[in-house]
């Protein structure tokens, strides 16, 4: 099936997909629900203040590259 990356917006995190992820996985999909920096419950005030759209974009590109390399090795 498909590999799906779920990226929430509007001050939400991976928890926004708690009901959906099991359904997608049961349908045979590989699902990655992400929480962006600055929106994690344990992020401190400095992290939240320093985070911007560039942070999120850079993280997602780095995440994708790590997953791609891992898949290529498998």
C-alpha atoms as a PDB file:
ATOM      1  CA  UNK A   1       0.000   0.000   0.000  1.00  0.00           C
ATOM      2  CA  UNK A   2       1.099   3.584   0.615  1.00  0.00           C
ATOM      3  CA  UNK A   3       3.423   5.280   3.051  1.00  0.00           C
ATOM      4  CA  UNK A   4       1.610   8.255   4.555  1.00  0.00           C
ATOM      5  CA  UNK A   5       3.104  11.177   6.459  1.00  0.00           C
ATOM      6  CA  UNK A   6       0.534  13.069   8.510  1.00  0.00           C
ATOM      7  CA  UNK A   7       1.649  16.570   9.488  1.00  0.00           C
ATOM      8  CA  UNK A   8      -0.882  18.502  11.553  1.00  0.00           C
ATOM      9  CA  UNK A   9      -1.225  22.235  11.626  1.00  0.00           C
ATOM     10  CA  UNK A  10      -2.935  24.850  13.765  1.00  0.00           C
ATOM     11  CA  UNK A  11      -1.173  24.065  17.043  1.00  0.00           C
ATOM     12  CA  UNK A  12      -1.847  20.347  16.920  1.00  0.00           C
ATOM     13  CA  UNK A  13       0.456  17.351  17.035  1.00  0.00           C
ATOM     14  CA  UNK A  14       0.466  13.686  16.164  1.00  0.00           C
ATOM     15  CA  UNK A  15      -2.250  13.149  18.774  1.00  0.00           C
ATOM     16  CA  UNK A  16      -4.705  14.749  16.326  1.00  0.00           C
ATOM     17  CA  UNK A  17      -4.488  11.533  14.287  1.00  0.00           C
ATOM     18  CA  UNK A  18      -4.878   8.995  17.117  1.00  0.00           C
ATOM     19  CA  UNK A  19      -8.209   7.780  15.741  1.00  0.00           C
ATOM     20  CA  UNK A  20      -7.093   7.687  12.105  1.00  0.00           C
ATOM     21  CA  UNK A  21      -3.672   6.007  12.337  1.00  0.00           C
ATOM     22  CA  UNK A  22      -4.964   2.563  13.407  1.00  0.00           C
ATOM     23  CA  UNK A  23      -7.548   2.584  10.624  1.00  0.00           C
ATOM     24  CA  UNK A  24      -4.946   3.403   7.997  1.00  0.00           C
ATOM     25  CA  UNK A  25      -2.543   0.790   9.362  1.00  0.00           C
ATOM     26  CA  UNK A  26      -5.258  -1.882   9.342  1.00  0.00           C
ATOM     27  CA  UNK A  27      -5.846  -1.006   5.705  1.00  0.00           C
ATOM     28  CA  UNK A  28      -2.189  -1.878   5.048  1.00  0.00           C
ATOM     29  CA  UNK A  29      -0.610   1.572   4.968  1.00  0.00           C
ATOM     30  CA  UNK A  30       2.575   2.636   6.704  1.00  0.00           C
ATOM     31  CA  UNK A  31       1.704   5.744   8.706  1.00  0.00           C
ATOM     32  CA  UNK A  32       3.953   8.369  10.269  1.00  0.00           C
ATOM     33  CA  UNK A  33       2.084  10.956  12.359  1.00  0.00           C
ATOM     34  CA  UNK A  34       4.442  13.793  13.243  1.00  0.00           C
ATOM     35  CA  UNK A  35       4.536  16.531  15.857  1.00  0.00           C
ATOM     36  CA  UNK A  36       6.468  19.618  14.831  1.00  0.00           C
ATOM     37  CA  UNK A  37       9.056  21.309  17.040  1.00  0.00           C
ATOM     38  CA  UNK A  38       7.511  23.999  19.183  1.00  0.00           C
ATOM     39  CA  UNK A  39       4.253  22.057  19.448  1.00  0.00           C
ATOM     40  CA  UNK A  40       5.457  19.120  21.529  1.00  0.00           C
ATOM     41  CA  UNK A  41       4.190  19.046  25.111  1.00  0.00           C
ATOM     42  CA  UNK A  42       7.750  18.991  26.500  1.00  0.00           C
ATOM     43  CA  UNK A  43       9.123  21.892  24.415  1.00  0.00           C
ATOM     44  CA  UNK A  44      10.339  24.729  26.602  1.00  0.00           C
ATOM     45  CA  UNK A  45       9.570  28.422  26.046  1.00  0.00           C
ATOM     46  CA  UNK A  46      12.905  29.067  24.320  1.00  0.00           C
ATOM     47  CA  UNK A  47      12.267  26.277  21.803  1.00  0.00           C
ATOM     48  CA  UNK A  48       8.770  27.545  21.101  1.00  0.00           C
ATOM     49  CA  UNK A  49      10.026  31.127  20.650  1.00  0.00           C
ATOM     50  CA  UNK A  50      12.855  30.099  18.312  1.00  0.00           C
ATOM     51  CA  UNK A  51      10.739  27.844  16.096  1.00  0.00           C
ATOM     52  CA  UNK A  52       9.443  29.090  12.754  1.00  0.00           C
ATOM     53  CA  UNK A  53       8.358  27.733   9.393  1.00  0.00           C
ATOM     54  CA  UNK A  54      11.975  27.231   8.322  1.00  0.00           C
ATOM     55  CA  UNK A  55      12.517  25.016  11.384  1.00  0.00           C
ATOM     56  CA  UNK A  56       9.552  22.867  10.415  1.00  0.00           C
ATOM     57  CA  UNK A  57      10.569  22.625   6.758  1.00  0.00           C
ATOM     58  CA  UNK A  58      14.184  21.756   7.608  1.00  0.00           C
ATOM     59  CA  UNK A  59      13.066  19.075  10.051  1.00  0.00           C
ATOM     60  CA  UNK A  60      10.693  17.469   7.570  1.00  0.00           C
ATOM     61  CA  UNK A  61      13.360  17.372   4.849  1.00  0.00           C
ATOM     62  CA  UNK A  62      15.856  15.822   7.284  1.00  0.00           C
ATOM     63  CA  UNK A  63      13.237  13.306   8.450  1.00  0.00           C
ATOM     64  CA  UNK A  64      12.418  12.351   4.856  1.00  0.00           C
ATOM     65  CA  UNK A  65      16.085  11.902   3.959  1.00  0.00           C
ATOM     66  CA  UNK A  66      16.668   9.658   7.007  1.00  0.00           C
ATOM     67  CA  UNK A  67      13.648   7.513   6.111  1.00  0.00           C
ATOM     68  CA  UNK A  68      14.698   7.335   2.457  1.00  0.00           C
ATOM     69  CA  UNK A  69      18.210   6.188   3.337  1.00  0.00           C
ATOM     70  CA  UNK A  70      16.869   3.615   5.790  1.00  0.00           C
ATOM     71  CA  UNK A  71      14.487   2.249   3.168  1.00  0.00           C
ATOM     72  CA  UNK A  72      17.264   2.032   0.601  1.00  0.00           C
ATOM     73  CA  UNK A  73      19.355  -0.064   3.018  1.00  0.00           C
ATOM     74  CA  UNK A  74      16.506  -2.449   3.806  1.00  0.00           C
END
